[in-house]
Amino acid sequence: MEEVRKTLIQAGFLRVDGLKIYPYGSVEGEIQERLPGDSVRWGSNNGVIAVALPNGEVWVLLGPIDEDAFRSIRDQAKEGLWVPLSNWESLNWRDAYMRMRNPDWIPDYIYSQGPVIRWRP
């Protein structure tokens, strides 16, 4: 799985699980980790590609893709996944920047006790 994670980082994917998401015209939520599974899953919608790892991490790519790098993941993954950020949703820019610098960064708000709508891929 570490090899897939490295490939995702090199291909420009951003880890989004645990980050707040701001849907277009709706209330904010939080992208939850996918329930742990036995395989890598992927999906695409409106030009956005998402990949979920067996440990629950959810990664998205919002721009051009390196087809060769992604082919190695796609060939060993199952298709069928909810794709965050593919229907006008957005992230906080600071959160995205922090995750680009460190894919394992955890935002402070993840520890809050306040009510939050959680989106499950």
PDB file of N, CA and C in Angstrom:
ATOM      1  N   MET A   1       0.814  -1.185   0.000  1.00  0.00           N
ATOM      2  CA  MET A   1       0.000   0.000   0.000  1.00  0.00           C
ATOM      3  C   MET A   1       0.866   1.262   0.000  1.00  0.00           C
ATOM      4  N   GLU A   2       1.999   1.207   0.628  1.00  0.00           N
ATOM      5  CA  GLU A   2       2.893   2.377   0.652  1.00  0.00           C
ATOM      6  C   GLU A   2       3.347   2.750  -0.754  1.00  0.00           C
ATOM      7  N   GLU A   3       3.514   1.741  -1.607  1.00  0.00           N
ATOM      8  CA  GLU A   3       3.904   2.010  -2.993  1.00  0.00           C
ATOM      9  C   GLU A   3       2.790   2.753  -3.746  1.00  0.00           C
ATOM     10  N   VAL A   4       1.537   2.358  -3.511  1.00  0.00           N
ATOM     11  CA  VAL A   4       0.405   3.036  -4.143  1.00  0.00           C
ATOM     12  C   VAL A   4       0.341   4.478  -3.643  1.00  0.00           C
ATOM     13  N   ARG A   5       0.540   4.671  -2.361  1.00  0.00           N
ATOM     14  CA  ARG A   5       0.518   6.014  -1.773  1.00  0.00           C
ATOM     15  C   ARG A   5       1.589   6.911  -2.414  1.00  0.00           C
ATOM     16  N   LYS A   6       2.782   6.390  -2.585  1.00  0.00           N
ATOM     17  CA  LYS A   6       3.855   7.154  -3.225  1.00  0.00           C
ATOM     18  C   LYS A   6       3.503   7.495  -4.668  1.00  0.00           C
ATOM     19  N   THR A   7       2.900   6.553  -5.374  1.00  0.00           N
ATOM     20  CA  THR A   7       2.494   6.801  -6.757  1.00  0.00           C
ATOM     21  C   THR A   7       1.438   7.898  -6.817  1.00  0.00           C
ATOM     22  N   LEU A   8       0.489   7.871  -5.877  1.00  0.00           N
ATOM     23  CA  LEU A   8      -0.540   8.913  -5.845  1.00  0.00           C
ATOM     24  C   LEU A   8       0.083  10.291  -5.617  1.00  0.00           C
ATOM     25  N   ILE A   9       1.013  10.385  -4.703  1.00  0.00           N
ATOM     26  CA  ILE A   9       1.673  11.663  -4.415  1.00  0.00           C
ATOM     27  C   ILE A   9       2.433  12.145  -5.643  1.00  0.00           C
ATOM     28  N   GLN A  10       3.171  11.243  -6.285  1.00  0.00           N
ATOM     29  CA  GLN A  10       3.943  11.619  -7.472  1.00  0.00           C
ATOM     30  C   GLN A  10       3.039  12.041  -8.629  1.00  0.00           C
ATOM     31  N   ALA A  11       1.842  11.466  -8.695  1.00  0.00           N
ATOM     32  CA  ALA A  11       0.915  11.783  -9.784  1.00  0.00           C
ATOM     33  C   ALA A  11       0.116  13.060  -9.505  1.00  0.00           C
ATOM     34  N   GLY A  12       0.294  13.652  -8.319  1.00  0.00           N
ATOM     35  CA  GLY A  12      -0.381  14.909  -8.017  1.00  0.00           C
ATOM     36  C   GLY A  12      -1.683  14.787  -7.251  1.00  0.00           C
ATOM     37  N   PHE A  13      -1.998  13.620  -6.712  1.00  0.00           N
ATOM     38  CA  PHE A  13      -3.212  13.441  -5.927  1.00  0.00           C
ATOM     39  C   PHE A  13      -3.066  14.125  -4.572  1.00  0.00           C
ATOM     40  N   LEU A  14      -4.183  14.540  -3.993  1.00  0.00           N
ATOM     41  CA  LEU A  14      -4.247  15.196  -2.699  1.00  0.00           C
ATOM     42  C   LEU A  14      -5.097  14.349  -1.766  1.00  0.00           C
ATOM     43  N   ARG A  15      -4.583  14.069  -0.577  1.00  0.00           N
ATOM     44  CA  ARG A  15      -5.351  13.298   0.404  1.00  0.00           C
ATOM     45  C   ARG A  15      -6.401  14.228   1.014  1.00  0.00           C
ATOM     46  N   VAL A  16      -7.671  13.819   1.004  1.00  0.00           N
ATOM     47  CA  VAL A  16      -8.746  14.700   1.445  1.00  0.00           C
ATOM     48  C   VAL A  16      -9.555  14.177   2.629  1.00  0.00           C
ATOM     49  N   ASP A  17      -9.362  12.937   3.042  1.00  0.00           N
ATOM     50  CA  ASP A  17     -10.166  12.445   4.161  1.00  0.00           C
ATOM     51  C   ASP A  17      -9.847  13.256   5.417  1.00  0.00           C
ATOM     52  N   GLY A  18     -10.883  13.555   6.191  1.00  0.00           N
ATOM     53  CA  GLY A  18     -10.732  14.336   7.404  1.00  0.00           C
ATOM     54  C   GLY A  18     -10.822  15.840   7.196  1.00  0.00           C
ATOM     55  N   LEU A  19     -10.856  16.300   5.953  1.00  0.00           N
ATOM     56  CA  LEU A  19     -10.927  17.733   5.683  1.00  0.00           C
ATOM     57  C   LEU A  19     -12.379  18.180   5.536  1.00  0.00           C
ATOM     58  N   LYS A  20     -12.638  19.439   5.917  1.00  0.00           N
ATOM     59  CA  LYS A  20     -13.976  19.987   5.724  1.00  0.00           C
ATOM     60  C   LYS A  20     -14.211  20.190   4.243  1.00  0.00           C
ATOM     61  N   ILE A  21     -15.449  19.958   3.856  1.00  0.00           N
ATOM     62  CA  ILE A  21     -15.842  20.142   2.471  1.00  0.00           C
ATOM     63  C   ILE A  21     -17.012  21.128   2.469  1.00  0.00           C
ATOM     64  N   TYR A  22     -17.017  22.005   1.494  1.00  0.00           N
ATOM     65  CA  TYR A  22     -18.045  23.035   1.407  1.00  0.00           C
ATOM     66  C   TYR A  22     -18.848  22.803   0.134  1.00  0.00           C
ATOM     67  N   PRO A  23     -19.974  22.113   0.266  1.00  0.00           N
ATOM     68  CA  PRO A  23     -20.810  21.852  -0.909  1.00  0.00           C
ATOM     69  C   PRO A  23     -21.419  23.138  -1.445  1.00  0.00           C
ATOM     70  N   TYR A  24     -21.661  23.160  -2.722  1.00  0.00           N
ATOM     71  CA  TYR A  24     -22.278  24.307  -3.378  1.00  0.00           C
ATOM     72  C   TYR A  24     -23.719  24.431  -2.902  1.00  0.00           C
ATOM     73  N   GLY A  25     -24.040  25.546  -2.236  1.00  0.00           N
ATOM     74  CA  GLY A  25     -25.406  25.810  -1.822  1.00  0.00           C
ATOM     75  C   GLY A  25     -25.920  24.949  -0.693  1.00  0.00           C
ATOM     76  N   SER A  26     -25.024  24.384   0.124  1.00  0.00           N
ATOM     77  CA  SER A  26     -25.456  23.511   1.203  1.00  0.00           C
ATOM     78  C   SER A  26     -24.565  23.754   2.420  1.00  0.00           C
ATOM     79  N   VAL A  27     -24.775  22.986   3.468  1.00  0.00           N
ATOM     80  CA  VAL A  27     -23.986  23.152   4.687  1.00  0.00           C
ATOM     81  C   VAL A  27     -22.681  22.380   4.570  1.00  0.00           C
ATOM     82  N   GLU A  28     -21.674  22.850   5.333  1.00  0.00           N
ATOM     83  CA  GLU A  28     -20.372  22.188   5.263  1.00  0.00           C
ATOM     84  C   GLU A  28     -20.445  20.805   5.885  1.00  0.00           C
ATOM     85  N   GLY A  29     -19.548  19.967   5.484  1.00  0.00           N
ATOM     86  CA  GLY A  29     -19.441  18.622   6.015  1.00  0.00           C
ATOM     87  C   GLY A  29     -17.984  18.277   6.192  1.00  0.00           C
ATOM     88  N   GLU A  30     -17.723  17.032   6.357  1.00  0.00           N
ATOM     89  CA  GLU A  30     -16.351  16.557   6.511  1.00  0.00           C
ATOM     90  C   GLU A  30     -16.222  15.267   5.725  1.00  0.00           C
ATOM     91  N   ILE A  31     -15.137  15.127   4.983  1.00  0.00           N
ATOM     92  CA  ILE A  31     -14.925  13.904   4.209  1.00  0.00           C
ATOM     93  C   ILE A  31     -14.375  12.854   5.151  1.00  0.00           C
ATOM     94  N   GLN A  32     -15.149  11.838   5.403  1.00  0.00           N
ATOM     95  CA  GLN A  32     -14.696  10.773   6.288  1.00  0.00           C
ATOM     96  C   GLN A  32     -13.812   9.799   5.530  1.00  0.00           C
ATOM     97  N   GLU A  33     -12.990   9.103   6.298  1.00  0.00           N
ATOM     98  CA  GLU A  33     -12.251   8.000   5.688  1.00  0.00           C
ATOM     99  C   GLU A  33     -13.260   6.973   5.205  1.00  0.00           C
ATOM    100  N   ARG A  34     -12.907   6.305   4.156  1.00  0.00           N
ATOM    101  CA  ARG A  34     -13.737   5.207   3.677  1.00  0.00           C
ATOM    102  C   ARG A  34     -13.592   4.070   4.674  1.00  0.00           C
ATOM    103  N   LEU A  35     -14.634   3.287   4.824  1.00  0.00           N
ATOM    104  CA  LEU A  35     -14.518   2.134   5.709  1.00  0.00           C
ATOM    105  C   LEU A  35     -13.399   1.244   5.202  1.00  0.00           C
ATOM    106  N   PRO A  36     -12.563   0.728   6.111  1.00  0.00           N
ATOM    107  CA  PRO A  36     -11.449  -0.119   5.653  1.00  0.00           C
ATOM    108  C   PRO A  36     -11.956  -1.249   4.765  1.00  0.00           C
ATOM    109  N   GLY A  37     -11.176  -1.542   3.754  1.00  0.00           N
ATOM    110  CA  GLY A  37     -11.565  -2.579   2.799  1.00  0.00           C
ATOM    111  C   GLY A  37     -10.395  -3.469   2.457  1.00  0.00           C
ATOM    112  N   ASP A  38     -10.609  -4.342   1.515  1.00  0.00           N
ATOM    113  CA  ASP A  38      -9.570  -5.294   1.149  1.00  0.00           C
ATOM    114  C   ASP A  38      -8.852  -4.912  -0.131  1.00  0.00           C
ATOM    115  N   SER A  39      -9.281  -3.804  -0.766  1.00  0.00           N
ATOM    116  CA  SER A  39      -8.634  -3.439  -2.022  1.00  0.00           C
ATOM    117  C   SER A  39      -8.670  -1.926  -2.225  1.00  0.00           C
ATOM    118  N   VAL A  40      -7.895  -1.491  -3.186  1.00  0.00           N
ATOM    119  CA  VAL A  40      -7.919  -0.096  -3.612  1.00  0.00           C
ATOM    120  C   VAL A  40      -9.151   0.076  -4.494  1.00  0.00           C
ATOM    121  N   ARG A  41      -9.861   1.204  -4.314  1.00  0.00           N
ATOM    122  CA  ARG A  41     -11.033   1.501  -5.148  1.00  0.00           C
ATOM    123  C   ARG A  41     -10.808   2.846  -5.816  1.00  0.00           C
ATOM    124  N   TRP A  42     -11.437   3.056  -6.960  1.00  0.00           N
ATOM    125  CA  TRP A  42     -11.313   4.329  -7.650  1.00  0.00           C
ATOM    126  C   TRP A  42     -12.614   4.669  -8.352  1.00  0.00           C
ATOM    127  N   GLY A  43     -12.764   5.956  -8.657  1.00  0.00           N
ATOM    128  CA  GLY A  43     -13.916   6.420  -9.399  1.00  0.00           C
ATOM    129  C   GLY A  43     -13.607   7.775 -10.005  1.00  0.00           C
ATOM    130  N   SER A  44     -14.405   8.188 -10.967  1.00  0.00           N
ATOM    131  CA  SER A  44     -14.217   9.506 -11.572  1.00  0.00           C
ATOM    132  C   SER A  44     -15.581  10.123 -11.845  1.00  0.00           C
ATOM    133  N   ASN A  45     -15.621  11.452 -11.788  1.00  0.00           N
ATOM    134  CA  ASN A  45     -16.844  12.187 -12.069  1.00  0.00           C
ATOM    135  C   ASN A  45     -16.470  13.620 -12.414  1.00  0.00           C
ATOM    136  N   ASN A  46     -16.998  14.130 -13.501  1.00  0.00           N
ATOM    137  CA  ASN A  46     -16.775  15.517 -13.911  1.00  0.00           C
ATOM    138  C   ASN A  46     -15.295  15.899 -13.949  1.00  0.00           C
ATOM    139  N   GLY A  47     -14.464  15.005 -14.396  1.00  0.00           N
ATOM    140  CA  GLY A  47     -13.049  15.303 -14.545  1.00  0.00           C
ATOM    141  C   GLY A  47     -12.222  15.149 -13.284  1.00  0.00           C
ATOM    142  N   VAL A  48     -12.819  14.737 -12.180  1.00  0.00           N
ATOM    143  CA  VAL A  48     -12.107  14.517 -10.916  1.00  0.00           C
ATOM    144  C   VAL A  48     -11.974  13.013 -10.719  1.00  0.00           C
ATOM    145  N   ILE A  49     -10.786  12.587 -10.319  1.00  0.00           N
ATOM    146  CA  ILE A  49     -10.537  11.164 -10.049  1.00  0.00           C
ATOM    147  C   ILE A  49     -10.295  10.993  -8.563  1.00  0.00           C
ATOM    148  N   ALA A  50     -10.914   9.990  -7.966  1.00  0.00           N
ATOM    149  CA  ALA A  50     -10.725   9.686  -6.550  1.00  0.00           C
ATOM    150  C   ALA A  50     -10.215   8.262  -6.400  1.00  0.00           C
ATOM    151  N   VAL A  51      -9.370   8.064  -5.407  1.00  0.00           N
ATOM    152  CA  VAL A  51      -8.838   6.745  -5.087  1.00  0.00           C
ATOM    153  C   VAL A  51      -8.956   6.563  -3.577  1.00  0.00           C
ATOM    154  N   ALA A  52      -9.478   5.427  -3.147  1.00  0.00           N
ATOM    155  CA  ALA A  52      -9.544   5.097  -1.724  1.00  0.00           C
ATOM    156  C   ALA A  52      -8.652   3.890  -1.476  1.00  0.00           C
ATOM    157  N   LEU A  53      -7.792   4.009  -0.473  1.00  0.00           N
ATOM    158  CA  LEU A  53      -6.892   2.918  -0.113  1.00  0.00           C
ATOM    159  C   LEU A  53      -7.571   1.997   0.889  1.00  0.00           C
ATOM    160  N   PRO A  54      -7.100   0.762   1.019  1.00  0.00           N
ATOM    161  CA  PRO A  54      -7.713  -0.166   1.962  1.00  0.00           C
ATOM    162  C   PRO A  54      -7.739   0.343   3.407  1.00  0.00           C
ATOM    163  N   ASN A  55      -6.809   1.224   3.785  1.00  0.00           N
ATOM    164  CA  ASN A  55      -6.793   1.738   5.158  1.00  0.00           C
ATOM    165  C   ASN A  55      -7.799   2.871   5.355  1.00  0.00           C
ATOM    166  N   GLY A  56      -8.510   3.278   4.298  1.00  0.00           N
ATOM    167  CA  GLY A  56      -9.542   4.293   4.401  1.00  0.00           C
ATOM    168  C   GLY A  56      -9.161   5.654   3.863  1.00  0.00           C
ATOM    169  N   GLU A  57      -7.893   5.892   3.544  1.00  0.00           N
ATOM    170  CA  GLU A  57      -7.485   7.187   3.012  1.00  0.00           C
ATOM    171  C   GLU A  57      -8.161   7.440   1.673  1.00  0.00           C
ATOM    172  N   VAL A  58      -8.605   8.695   1.457  1.00  0.00           N
ATOM    173  CA  VAL A  58      -9.253   9.087   0.211  1.00  0.00           C
ATOM    174  C   VAL A  58      -8.401  10.163  -0.443  1.00  0.00           C
ATOM    175  N   TRP A  59      -8.045   9.961  -1.701  1.00  0.00           N
ATOM    176  CA  TRP A  59      -7.190  10.869  -2.462  1.00  0.00           C
ATOM    177  C   TRP A  59      -7.927  11.329  -3.698  1.00  0.00           C
ATOM    178  N   VAL A  60      -7.745  12.603  -4.097  1.00  0.00           N
ATOM    179  CA  VAL A  60      -8.367  13.107  -5.324  1.00  0.00           C
ATOM    180  C   VAL A  60      -7.345  13.813  -6.196  1.00  0.00           C
ATOM    181  N   LEU A  61      -7.629  13.833  -7.475  1.00  0.00           N
ATOM    182  CA  LEU A  61      -6.830  14.567  -8.451  1.00  0.00           C
ATOM    183  C   LEU A  61      -7.772  15.481  -9.202  1.00  0.00           C
ATOM    184  N   LEU A  62      -7.449  16.774  -9.208  1.00  0.00           N
ATOM    185  CA  LEU A  62      -8.325  17.770  -9.814  1.00  0.00           C
ATOM    186  C   LEU A  62      -7.816  18.280 -11.149  1.00  0.00           C
ATOM    187  N   GLY A  63      -6.693  17.802 -11.593  1.00  0.00           N
ATOM    188  CA  GLY A  63      -6.120  18.337 -12.815  1.00  0.00           C
ATOM    189  C   GLY A  63      -5.726  17.241 -13.783  1.00  0.00           C
ATOM    190  N   PRO A  64      -4.835  17.576 -14.696  1.00  0.00           N
ATOM    191  CA  PRO A  64      -4.371  16.580 -15.671  1.00  0.00           C
ATOM    192  C   PRO A  64      -3.720  15.394 -14.965  1.00  0.00           C
ATOM    193  N   ILE A  65      -3.829  14.251 -15.573  1.00  0.00           N
ATOM    194  CA  ILE A  65      -3.308  13.039 -14.945  1.00  0.00           C
ATOM    195  C   ILE A  65      -2.173  12.436 -15.756  1.00  0.00           C
ATOM    196  N   ASP A  66      -1.228  11.860 -15.051  1.00  0.00           N
ATOM    197  CA  ASP A  66      -0.153  11.083 -15.666  1.00  0.00           C
ATOM    198  C   ASP A  66      -0.731   9.688 -15.903  1.00  0.00           C
ATOM    199  N   GLU A  67      -1.150   9.434 -17.131  1.00  0.00           N
ATOM    200  CA  GLU A  67      -1.834   8.180 -17.456  1.00  0.00           C
ATOM    201  C   GLU A  67      -1.010   6.946 -17.095  1.00  0.00           C
ATOM    202  N   ASP A  68       0.297   6.995 -17.332  1.00  0.00           N
ATOM    203  CA  ASP A  68       1.138   5.829 -17.029  1.00  0.00           C
ATOM    204  C   ASP A  68       1.168   5.541 -15.541  1.00  0.00           C
ATOM    205  N   ALA A  69       1.312   6.595 -14.721  1.00  0.00           N
ATOM    206  CA  ALA A  69       1.353   6.403 -13.267  1.00  0.00           C
ATOM    207  C   ALA A  69       0.007   5.893 -12.767  1.00  0.00           C
ATOM    208  N   PHE A  70      -1.087   6.465 -13.284  1.00  0.00           N
ATOM    209  CA  PHE A  70      -2.400   6.052 -12.809  1.00  0.00           C
ATOM    210  C   PHE A  70      -2.772   4.663 -13.304  1.00  0.00           C
ATOM    211  N   ARG A  71      -2.302   4.277 -14.471  1.00  0.00           N
ATOM    212  CA  ARG A  71      -2.611   2.947 -15.012  1.00  0.00           C
ATOM    213  C   ARG A  71      -2.179   1.853 -14.036  1.00  0.00           C
ATOM    214  N   SER A  72      -1.014   2.029 -13.380  1.00  0.00           N
ATOM    215  CA  SER A  72      -0.529   1.014 -12.441  1.00  0.00           C
ATOM    216  C   SER A  72      -1.471   0.871 -11.248  1.00  0.00           C
ATOM    217  N   ILE A  73      -2.135   1.963 -10.862  1.00  0.00           N
ATOM    218  CA  ILE A  73      -3.099   1.898  -9.763  1.00  0.00           C
ATOM    219  C   ILE A  73      -4.423   1.347 -10.267  1.00  0.00           C
ATOM    220  N   ARG A  74      -4.903   1.888 -11.377  1.00  0.00           N
ATOM    221  CA  ARG A  74      -6.205   1.498 -11.919  1.00  0.00           C
ATOM    222  C   ARG A  74      -6.261   0.000 -12.218  1.00  0.00           C
ATOM    223  N   ASP A  75      -5.168  -0.565 -12.708  1.00  0.00           N
ATOM    224  CA  ASP A  75      -5.154  -1.979 -13.075  1.00  0.00           C
ATOM    225  C   ASP A  75      -5.286  -2.902 -11.866  1.00  0.00           C
ATOM    226  N   GLN A  76      -4.902  -2.418 -10.678  1.00  0.00           N
ATOM    227  CA  GLN A  76      -5.012  -3.276  -9.503  1.00  0.00           C
ATOM    228  C   GLN A  76      -6.163  -2.862  -8.573  1.00  0.00           C
ATOM    229  N   ALA A  77      -6.986  -1.916  -9.008  1.00  0.00           N
ATOM    230  CA  ALA A  77      -8.062  -1.396  -8.177  1.00  0.00           C
ATOM    231  C   ALA A  77      -9.429  -1.788  -8.723  1.00  0.00           C
ATOM    232  N   LYS A  78     -10.432  -1.682  -7.851  1.00  0.00           N
ATOM    233  CA  LYS A  78     -11.816  -1.909  -8.246  1.00  0.00           C
ATOM    234  C   LYS A  78     -12.451  -0.549  -8.532  1.00  0.00           C
ATOM    235  N   GLU A  79     -13.252  -0.484  -9.591  1.00  0.00           N
ATOM    236  CA  GLU A  79     -13.929   0.767  -9.917  1.00  0.00           C
ATOM    237  C   GLU A  79     -15.232   0.868  -9.134  1.00  0.00           C
ATOM    238  N   GLY A  80     -15.586   2.101  -8.775  1.00  0.00           N
ATOM    239  CA  GLY A  80     -16.830   2.344  -8.056  1.00  0.00           C
ATOM    240  C   GLY A  80     -16.565   3.030  -6.735  1.00  0.00           C
ATOM    241  N   LEU A  81     -16.643   4.367  -6.736  1.00  0.00           N
ATOM    242  CA  LEU A  81     -16.325   5.132  -5.533  1.00  0.00           C
ATOM    243  C   LEU A  81     -16.982   6.497  -5.640  1.00  0.00           C
ATOM    244  N   TRP A  82     -17.522   7.017  -4.528  1.00  0.00           N
ATOM    245  CA  TRP A  82     -18.005   8.387  -4.474  1.00  0.00           C
ATOM    246  C   TRP A  82     -16.811   9.303  -4.675  1.00  0.00           C
ATOM    247  N   VAL A  83     -16.955  10.329  -5.493  1.00  0.00           N
ATOM    248  CA  VAL A  83     -15.838  11.206  -5.851  1.00  0.00           C
ATOM    249  C   VAL A  83     -16.031  12.576  -5.199  1.00  0.00           C
ATOM    250  N   PRO A  84     -15.304  12.849  -4.106  1.00  0.00           N
ATOM    251  CA  PRO A  84     -15.431  14.169  -3.493  1.00  0.00           C
ATOM    252  C   PRO A  84     -14.911  15.256  -4.418  1.00  0.00           C
ATOM    253  N   LEU A  85     -15.443  16.448  -4.264  1.00  0.00           N
ATOM    254  CA  LEU A  85     -15.014  17.643  -5.006  1.00  0.00           C
ATOM    255  C   LEU A  85     -15.342  17.578  -6.495  1.00  0.00           C
ATOM    256  N   SER A  86     -16.286  16.725  -6.885  1.00  0.00           N
ATOM    257  CA  SER A  86     -16.600  16.605  -8.307  1.00  0.00           C
ATOM    258  C   SER A  86     -17.909  17.290  -8.695  1.00  0.00           C
ATOM    259  N   ASN A  87     -18.591  17.878  -7.728  1.00  0.00           N
ATOM    260  CA  ASN A  87     -19.857  18.574  -8.013  1.00  0.00           C
ATOM    261  C   ASN A  87     -19.871  19.948  -7.349  1.00  0.00           C
ATOM    262  N   TRP A  88     -18.871  20.740  -7.637  1.00  0.00           N
ATOM    263  CA  TRP A  88     -18.735  22.123  -7.182  1.00  0.00           C
ATOM    264  C   TRP A  88     -18.417  22.237  -5.700  1.00  0.00           C
ATOM    265  N   GLU A  89     -18.140  21.153  -4.994  1.00  0.00           N
ATOM    266  CA  GLU A  89     -17.719  21.281  -3.608  1.00  0.00           C
ATOM    267  C   GLU A  89     -16.311  21.881  -3.577  1.00  0.00           C
ATOM    268  N   SER A  90     -15.928  22.429  -2.444  1.00  0.00           N
ATOM    269  CA  SER A  90     -14.589  23.001  -2.327  1.00  0.00           C
ATOM    270  C   SER A  90     -13.995  22.692  -0.963  1.00  0.00           C
ATOM    271  N   LEU A  91     -12.692  22.899  -0.869  1.00  0.00           N
ATOM    272  CA  LEU A  91     -11.947  22.750   0.382  1.00  0.00           C
ATOM    273  C   LEU A  91     -11.455  24.123   0.817  1.00  0.00           C
ATOM    274  N   ASN A  92     -11.111  24.247   2.074  1.00  0.00           N
ATOM    275  CA  ASN A  92     -10.419  25.431   2.567  1.00  0.00           C
ATOM    276  C   ASN A  92      -9.011  25.406   1.982  1.00  0.00           C
ATOM    277  N   TRP A  93      -8.567  26.534   1.426  1.00  0.00           N
ATOM    278  CA  TRP A  93      -7.248  26.573   0.784  1.00  0.00           C
ATOM    279  C   TRP A  93      -6.122  26.242   1.744  1.00  0.00           C
ATOM    280  N   ARG A  94      -6.224  26.694   2.982  1.00  0.00           N
ATOM    281  CA  ARG A  94      -5.177  26.403   3.970  1.00  0.00           C
ATOM    282  C   ARG A  94      -5.088  24.892   4.208  1.00  0.00           C
ATOM    283  N   ASP A  95      -6.239  24.247   4.325  1.00  0.00           N
ATOM    284  CA  ASP A  95      -6.248  22.799   4.530  1.00  0.00           C
ATOM    285  C   ASP A  95      -5.585  22.085   3.359  1.00  0.00           C
ATOM    286  N   ALA A  96      -5.926  22.507   2.137  1.00  0.00           N
ATOM    287  CA  ALA A  96      -5.331  21.881   0.950  1.00  0.00           C
ATOM    288  C   ALA A  96      -3.818  22.081   0.938  1.00  0.00           C
ATOM    289  N   TYR A  97      -3.377  23.290   1.261  1.00  0.00           N
ATOM    290  CA  TYR A  97      -1.939  23.583   1.290  1.00  0.00           C
ATOM    291  C   TYR A  97      -1.228  22.721   2.335  1.00  0.00           C
ATOM    292  N   MET A  98      -1.811  22.618   3.522  1.00  0.00           N
ATOM    293  CA  MET A  98      -1.189  21.814   4.585  1.00  0.00           C
ATOM    294  C   MET A  98      -1.098  20.341   4.178  1.00  0.00           C
ATOM    295  N   ARG A  99      -2.129  19.842   3.510  1.00  0.00           N
ATOM    296  CA  ARG A  99      -2.093  18.451   3.058  1.00  0.00           C
ATOM    297  C   ARG A  99      -1.104  18.250   1.911  1.00  0.00           C
ATOM    298  N   MET A 100      -0.914  19.265   1.071  1.00  0.00           N
ATOM    299  CA  MET A 100       0.084  19.142   0.010  1.00  0.00           C
ATOM    300  C   MET A 100       1.476  19.031   0.617  1.00  0.00           C
ATOM    301  N   ARG A 101       1.719  19.771   1.669  1.00  0.00           N
ATOM    302  CA  ARG A 101       3.024  19.733   2.342  1.00  0.00           C
ATOM    303  C   ARG A 101       3.216  18.445   3.125  1.00  0.00           C
ATOM    304  N   ASN A 102       2.123  17.940   3.735  1.00  0.00           N
ATOM    305  CA  ASN A 102       2.205  16.743   4.564  1.00  0.00           C
ATOM    306  C   ASN A 102       0.883  15.981   4.453  1.00  0.00           C
ATOM    307  N   PRO A 103       0.858  14.891   3.682  1.00  0.00           N
ATOM    308  CA  PRO A 103      -0.394  14.141   3.504  1.00  0.00           C
ATOM    309  C   PRO A 103      -0.983  13.588   4.802  1.00  0.00           C
ATOM    310  N   ASP A 104      -0.186  13.534   5.865  1.00  0.00           N
ATOM    311  CA  ASP A 104      -0.678  13.013   7.137  1.00  0.00           C
ATOM    312  C   ASP A 104      -1.085  14.109   8.123  1.00  0.00           C
ATOM    313  N   TRP A 105      -1.091  15.381   7.667  1.00  0.00           N
ATOM    314  CA  TRP A 105      -1.496  16.486   8.534  1.00  0.00           C
ATOM    315  C   TRP A 105      -2.949  16.307   8.960  1.00  0.00           C
ATOM    316  N   ILE A 106      -3.223  16.570  10.246  1.00  0.00           N
ATOM    317  CA  ILE A 106      -4.568  16.445  10.789  1.00  0.00           C
ATOM    318  C   ILE A 106      -5.036  17.826  11.238  1.00  0.00           C
ATOM    319  N   PRO A 107      -6.150  18.322  10.700  1.00  0.00           N
ATOM    320  CA  PRO A 107      -6.653  19.638  11.101  1.00  0.00           C
ATOM    321  C   PRO A 107      -7.186  19.608  12.534  1.00  0.00           C
ATOM    322  N   ASP A 108      -7.085  20.742  13.227  1.00  0.00           N
ATOM    323  CA  ASP A 108      -7.548  20.831  14.616  1.00  0.00           C
ATOM    324  C   ASP A 108      -9.032  20.531  14.748  1.00  0.00           C
ATOM    325  N   TYR A 109      -9.825  20.954  13.774  1.00  0.00           N
ATOM    326  CA  TYR A 109     -11.277  20.796  13.910  1.00  0.00           C
ATOM    327  C   TYR A 109     -11.728  19.347  13.914  1.00  0.00           C
ATOM    328  N   ILE A 110     -10.874  18.450  13.551  1.00  0.00           N
ATOM    329  CA  ILE A 110     -11.276  17.042  13.549  1.00  0.00           C
ATOM    330  C   ILE A 110     -11.518  16.540  14.978  1.00  0.00           C
ATOM    331  N   TYR A 111     -10.957  17.267  15.956  1.00  0.00           N
ATOM    332  CA  TYR A 111     -11.123  16.883  17.356  1.00  0.00           C
ATOM    333  C   TYR A 111     -12.299  17.590  18.024  1.00  0.00           C
ATOM    334  N   SER A 112     -13.001  18.469  17.328  1.00  0.00           N
ATOM    335  CA  SER A 112     -14.099  19.226  17.936  1.00  0.00           C
ATOM    336  C   SER A 112     -15.284  18.312  18.222  1.00  0.00           C
ATOM    337  N   GLN A 113     -16.061  18.727  19.177  1.00  0.00           N
ATOM    338  CA  GLN A 113     -17.247  17.961  19.550  1.00  0.00           C
ATOM    339  C   GLN A 113     -18.506  18.511  18.880  1.00  0.00           C
ATOM    340  N   GLY A 114     -18.362  19.587  18.124  1.00  0.00           N
ATOM    341  CA  GLY A 114     -19.517  20.214  17.478  1.00  0.00           C
ATOM    342  C   GLY A 114     -20.146  19.302  16.442  1.00  0.00           C
ATOM    343  N   PRO A 115     -21.415  19.548  16.132  1.00  0.00           N
ATOM    344  CA  PRO A 115     -22.077  18.720  15.111  1.00  0.00           C
ATOM    345  C   PRO A 115     -21.498  19.008  13.731  1.00  0.00           C
ATOM    346  N   VAL A 116     -21.332  17.987  12.957  1.00  0.00           N
ATOM    347  CA  VAL A 116     -20.826  18.143  11.601  1.00  0.00           C
ATOM    348  C   VAL A 116     -21.473  17.054  10.740  1.00  0.00           C
ATOM    349  N   ILE A 117     -21.809  17.433   9.535  1.00  0.00           N
ATOM    350  CA  ILE A 117     -22.341  16.449   8.592  1.00  0.00           C
ATOM    351  C   ILE A 117     -21.150  15.726   7.993  1.00  0.00           C
ATOM    352  N   ARG A 118     -21.120  14.455   8.071  1.00  0.00           N
ATOM    353  CA  ARG A 118     -19.975  13.688   7.579  1.00  0.00           C
ATOM    354  C   ARG A 118     -20.348  13.018   6.276  1.00  0.00           C
ATOM    355  N   TRP A 119     -19.497  13.189   5.300  1.00  0.00           N
ATOM    356  CA  TRP A 119     -19.697  12.585   3.980  1.00  0.00           C
ATOM    357  C   TRP A 119     -18.878  11.304   3.926  1.00  0.00           C
ATOM    358  N   ARG A 120     -19.488  10.242   3.545  1.00  0.00           N
ATOM    359  CA  ARG A 120     -18.763   8.979   3.457  1.00  0.00           C
ATOM    360  C   ARG A 120     -18.624   8.601   1.996  1.00  0.00           C
ATOM    361  N   PRO A 121     -17.382   8.400   1.540  1.00  0.00           N
ATOM    362  CA  PRO A 121     -17.196   7.971   0.148  1.00  0.00           C
ATOM    363  C   PRO A 121     -17.694   6.546  -0.055  1.00  0.00           C
TER     364      PRO A 121
END
